[in-house]
C-alpha atoms as a PDB file:
ATOM      1  CA  MET A   1      26.823  88.866  36.849  1.00  0.00           C
ATOM      2  CA  HIS A   2      23.650  87.429  35.743  1.00  0.00           C
ATOM      3  CA  LEU A   3      21.667  85.493  37.675  1.00  0.00           C
ATOM      4  CA  ALA A   4      20.818  82.960  34.733  1.00  0.00           C
ATOM      5  CA  TYR A   5      24.526  80.898  35.708  1.00  0.00           C
ATOM      6  CA  PRO A   6      24.372  80.769  39.737  1.00  0.00           C
ATOM      7  CA  ALA A   7      20.257  78.854  38.830  1.00  0.00           C
ATOM      8  CA  VAL A   8      21.560  76.807  36.134  1.00  0.00           C
ATOM      9  CA  LEU A   9      24.068  75.867  38.097  1.00  0.00           C
ATOM     10  CA  SER A  10      22.219  74.961  40.847  1.00  0.00           C
ATOM     11  CA  ALA A  11      19.202  72.564  38.981  1.00  0.00           C
ATOM     12  CA  LEU A  12      22.192  70.641  37.482  1.00  0.00           C
ATOM     13  CA  LEU A  13      23.085  70.541  40.964  1.00  0.00           C
ATOM     14  CA  PHE A  14      19.959  69.769  42.286  1.00  0.00           C
ATOM     15  CA  SER A  15      19.164  67.216  39.110  1.00  0.00           C
ATOM     16  CA  VAL A  16      22.236  65.011  40.109  1.00  0.00           C
ATOM     17  CA  GLY A  17      21.155  64.822  43.561  1.00  0.00           C
ATOM     18  CA  LEU A  18      17.745  63.653  43.247  1.00  0.00           C
ATOM     19  CA  TYR A  19      19.272  61.091  40.524  1.00  0.00           C
ATOM     20  CA  GLY A  20      21.610  60.480  43.486  1.00  0.00           C
ATOM     21  CA  VAL A  21      18.791  59.743  45.963  1.00  0.00           C
ATOM     22  CA  LEU A  22      16.387  58.112  43.425  1.00  0.00           C
ATOM     23  CA  ALA A  23      19.108  55.595  42.170  1.00  0.00           C
ATOM     24  CA  ARG A  24      21.311  54.634  44.140  1.00  0.00           C
ATOM     25  CA  ARG A  25      21.401  51.822  47.054  1.00  0.00           C
ATOM     26  CA  ASN A  26      23.764  52.116  49.683  1.00  0.00           C
ATOM     27  CA  ALA A  27      22.552  55.269  52.605  1.00  0.00           C
ATOM     28  CA  ILE A  28      25.814  56.779  52.510  1.00  0.00           C
ATOM     29  CA  LEU A  29      25.580  57.539  48.780  1.00  0.00           C
ATOM     30  CA  VAL A  30      21.789  58.633  49.038  1.00  0.00           C
ATOM     31  CA  LEU A  31      23.016  61.073  52.294  1.00  0.00           C
ATOM     32  CA  MET A  32      25.493  62.844  50.446  1.00  0.00           C
ATOM     33  CA  SER A  33      22.859  63.293  47.244  1.00  0.00           C
ATOM     34  CA  VAL A  34      20.561  65.156  50.221  1.00  0.00           C
ATOM     35  CA  GLU A  35      23.421  67.534  50.855  1.00  0.00           C
ATOM     36  CA  LEU A  36      23.927  67.956  47.349  1.00  0.00           C
ATOM     37  CA  MET A  37      20.412  69.288  46.853  1.00  0.00           C
ATOM     38  CA  LEU A  38      20.928  71.254  50.226  1.00  0.00           C
ATOM     39  CA  ASN A  39      23.664  72.694  48.522  1.00  0.00           C
ATOM     40  CA  ALA A  40      22.145  73.915  45.512  1.00  0.00           C
ATOM     41  CA  VAL A  41      18.846  75.415  47.386  1.00  0.00           C
ATOM     42  CA  ASN A  42      22.082  77.398  49.436  1.00  0.00           C
ATOM     43  CA  LEU A  43      23.542  78.388  45.883  1.00  0.00           C
ATOM     44  CA  ASN A  44      20.018  79.551  44.748  1.00  0.00           C
ATOM     45  CA  LEU A  45      19.409  81.603  48.000  1.00  0.00           C
ATOM     46  CA  VAL A  46      22.086  83.042  47.863  1.00  0.00           C
ATOM     47  CA  ALA A  47      22.217  83.840  44.780  1.00  0.00           C
ATOM     48  CA  PHE A  48      18.780  85.677  44.833  1.00  0.00           C
ATOM     49  CA  ASP A  49      19.911  87.335  47.772  1.00  0.00           C
ATOM     50  CA  VAL A  50      22.297  89.246  46.127  1.00  0.00           C
ATOM     51  CA  TRP A  51      20.081  89.480  42.875  1.00  0.00           C
ATOM     52  CA  LEU A  52      17.464  91.362  44.673  1.00  0.00           C
ATOM     53  CA  ARG A  53      19.908  93.579  47.011  1.00  0.00           C
ATOM     54  CA  ASP A  54      18.256  92.837  50.306  1.00  0.00           C
ATOM     55  CA  THR A  55      19.040  95.104  53.274  1.00  0.00           C
ATOM     56  CA  LEU A  56      18.420  92.244  55.472  1.00  0.00           C
ATOM     57  CA  HIS A  57      20.113  89.420  53.485  1.00  0.00           C
ATOM     58  CA  ALA A  58      17.357  87.015  54.455  1.00  0.00           C
ATOM     59  CA  GLY A  59      18.513  84.239  51.477  1.00  0.00           C
ATOM     60  CA  GLN A  60      22.604  84.231  53.353  1.00  0.00           C
ATOM     61  CA  ALA A  61      20.615  84.307  57.317  1.00  0.00           C
ATOM     62  CA  LEU A  62      18.162  81.211  55.639  1.00  0.00           C
ATOM     63  CA  THR A  63      21.032  79.719  53.911  1.00  0.00           C
ATOM     64  CA  LEU A  64      22.863  79.718  57.208  1.00  0.00           C
ATOM     65  CA  PHE A  65      20.098  78.278  58.925  1.00  0.00           C
ATOM     66  CA  VAL A  66      20.338  75.356  56.072  1.00  0.00           C
ATOM     67  CA  ILE A  67      24.067  74.565  56.731  1.00  0.00           C
ATOM     68  CA  ALA A  68      23.284  74.411  60.041  1.00  0.00           C
ATOM     69  CA  ILE A  69      20.372  71.442  59.968  1.00  0.00           C
ATOM     70  CA  ALA A  70      22.246  69.875  57.097  1.00  0.00           C
ATOM     71  CA  ALA A  71      25.114  69.240  59.614  1.00  0.00           C
ATOM     72  CA  ALA A  72      23.045  68.486  62.117  1.00  0.00           C
ATOM     73  CA  GLU A  73      20.720  65.610  59.554  1.00  0.00           C
ATOM     74  CA  ILE A  74      23.958  64.629  58.237  1.00  0.00           C
ATOM     75  CA  GLY A  75      25.144  63.681  61.980  1.00  0.00           C
ATOM     76  CA  ILE A  76      21.780  61.537  62.771  1.00  0.00           C
ATOM     77  CA  GLY A  77      21.891  60.054  59.352  1.00  0.00           C
ATOM     78  CA  LEU A  78      25.320  59.071  59.943  1.00  0.00           C
ATOM     79  CA  ALA A  79      24.861  57.421  62.983  1.00  0.00           C
ATOM     80  CA  ILE A  80      21.933  55.593  62.399  1.00  0.00           C
ATOM     81  CA  VAL A  81      24.081  53.685  58.981  1.00  0.00           C
ATOM     82  CA  LEU A  82      26.661  52.677  60.894  1.00  0.00           C
ATOM     83  CA  MET A  83      24.176  51.095  63.442  1.00  0.00           C
ATOM     84  CA  VAL A  84      22.210  49.356  60.781  1.00  0.00           C
ATOM     85  CA  TYR A  85      25.666  48.521  59.135  1.00  0.00           C
ATOM     86  CA  ARG A  86      26.956  46.923  62.378  1.00  0.00           C
ATOM     87  CA  ASN A  87      23.494  45.297  62.835  1.00  0.00           C
ATOM     88  CA  ARG A  88      22.793  43.530  59.040  1.00  0.00           C
ATOM     89  CA  GLY A  89      26.579  43.955  57.859  1.00  0.00           C
ATOM     90  CA  SER A  90      25.267  46.266  54.959  1.00  0.00           C
ATOM     91  CA  SER A  91      24.024  49.669  54.368  1.00  0.00           C
ATOM     92  CA  ASP A  92      22.190  48.078  51.761  1.00  0.00           C
ATOM     93  CA  VAL A  93      18.412  50.602  51.391  1.00  0.00           C
ATOM     94  CA  ASP A  94      16.985  47.511  49.670  1.00  0.00           C
ATOM     95  CA  ARG A  95      17.891  45.369  52.289  1.00  0.00           C
ATOM     96  CA  LEU A  96      16.758  46.968  54.968  1.00  0.00           C
ATOM     97  CA  ARG A  97      13.229  47.789  53.576  1.00  0.00           C
ATOM     98  CA  ASP A  98      11.984  45.017  55.639  1.00  0.00           C
ATOM     99  CA  THR A  99      12.655  46.293  59.086  1.00  0.00           C
ATOM    100  CA  ALA A 100       9.700  49.543  57.992  1.00  0.00           C
ATOM    101  CA  GLU A 101       7.438  46.839  56.779  1.00  0.00           C
ATOM    102  CA  ALA A 102       5.051  45.304  58.896  1.00  0.00           C
ATOM    103  CA  HIS A 103       3.721  41.696  58.647  1.00  0.00           C
ATOM    104  CA  GLY A 104       0.809  40.838  57.446  1.00  0.00           C
ATOM    105  CA  PRO A 105      -2.270  38.406  58.559  1.00  0.00           C
ATOM    106  CA  ASP A 106      -1.527  35.975  56.976  1.00  0.00           C
ATOM    107  CA  ASP A 107       1.850  35.446  58.812  1.00  0.00           C
ATOM    108  CA  SER A 108       2.303  33.192  61.560  1.00  0.00           C
ATOM    109  CA  GLY A 109       2.963  36.351  64.333  1.00  0.00           C
ATOM    110  CA  THR A 110       5.936  34.598  65.261  1.00  0.00           C
ATOM    111  CA  GLY A 111       8.197  37.441  63.025  1.00  0.00           C
ATOM    112  CA  HIS A 112      10.512  34.436  61.875  1.00  0.00           C
ATOM    113  CA  ASP A 113      10.265  33.533  58.231  1.00  0.00           C
ATOM    114  CA  ASP A 114      13.243  31.477  58.318  1.00  0.00           C
ATOM    115  CA  GLU A 115      11.816  28.957  60.689  1.00  0.00           C
ATOM    116  CA  THR A 116      10.853  25.131  59.407  1.00  0.00           C
ATOM    117  CA  PRO A 117       7.936  23.321  61.188  1.00  0.00           C
ATOM    118  CA  ALA A 118      11.034  21.151  62.999  1.00  0.00           C
ATOM    119  CA  ASP A 119      11.640  24.391  64.492  1.00  0.00           C
ATOM    120  CA  ARG A 120       8.320  25.438  65.882  1.00  0.00           C
ATOM    121  CA  GLU A 121       7.518  21.983  66.599  1.00  0.00           C
ATOM    122  CA  GLU A 122      10.779  22.065  68.847  1.00  0.00           C
ATOM    123  CA  LYS A 123       9.284  25.646  70.814  1.00  0.00           C
ATOM    124  CA  ALA A 124       6.140  23.938  70.579  1.00  0.00           C
ATOM    125  CA  GLU A 125       7.746  21.448  73.120  1.00  0.00           C
ATOM    126  CA  ALA A 126       9.599  23.312  75.045  1.00  0.00           C
ATOM    127  CA  THR A 127       6.908  25.608  76.024  1.00  0.00           C
ATOM    128  CA  ALA A 128       4.214  22.661  77.663  1.00  0.00           C
END
């Protein structure tokens, strides 16, 4: 078998996975796209291992390592997505952006952007 067939298939799988990571908004679909990209890398590793006729089968050994890392990644990733979904009610990646961004110096420092001035006055009176 020629090396071109698995290499082209791997490039197509990786491209579809990259598109999924860049274009999807759902965190679970992003994780699935990352898994697709890792499987494309695994296909390349095994194809080149067979093509080079390596006696140590380093490509296959590295593939097993990548599969183990991918299993751990999907377990931790799904746990994080489930925790975020329980807390926020959505697994939309764009809505999660505000959890990672710090508040600027022009903010009041309270971290609550939806407070009205009446709420702030009420809190000030309660603490005074």
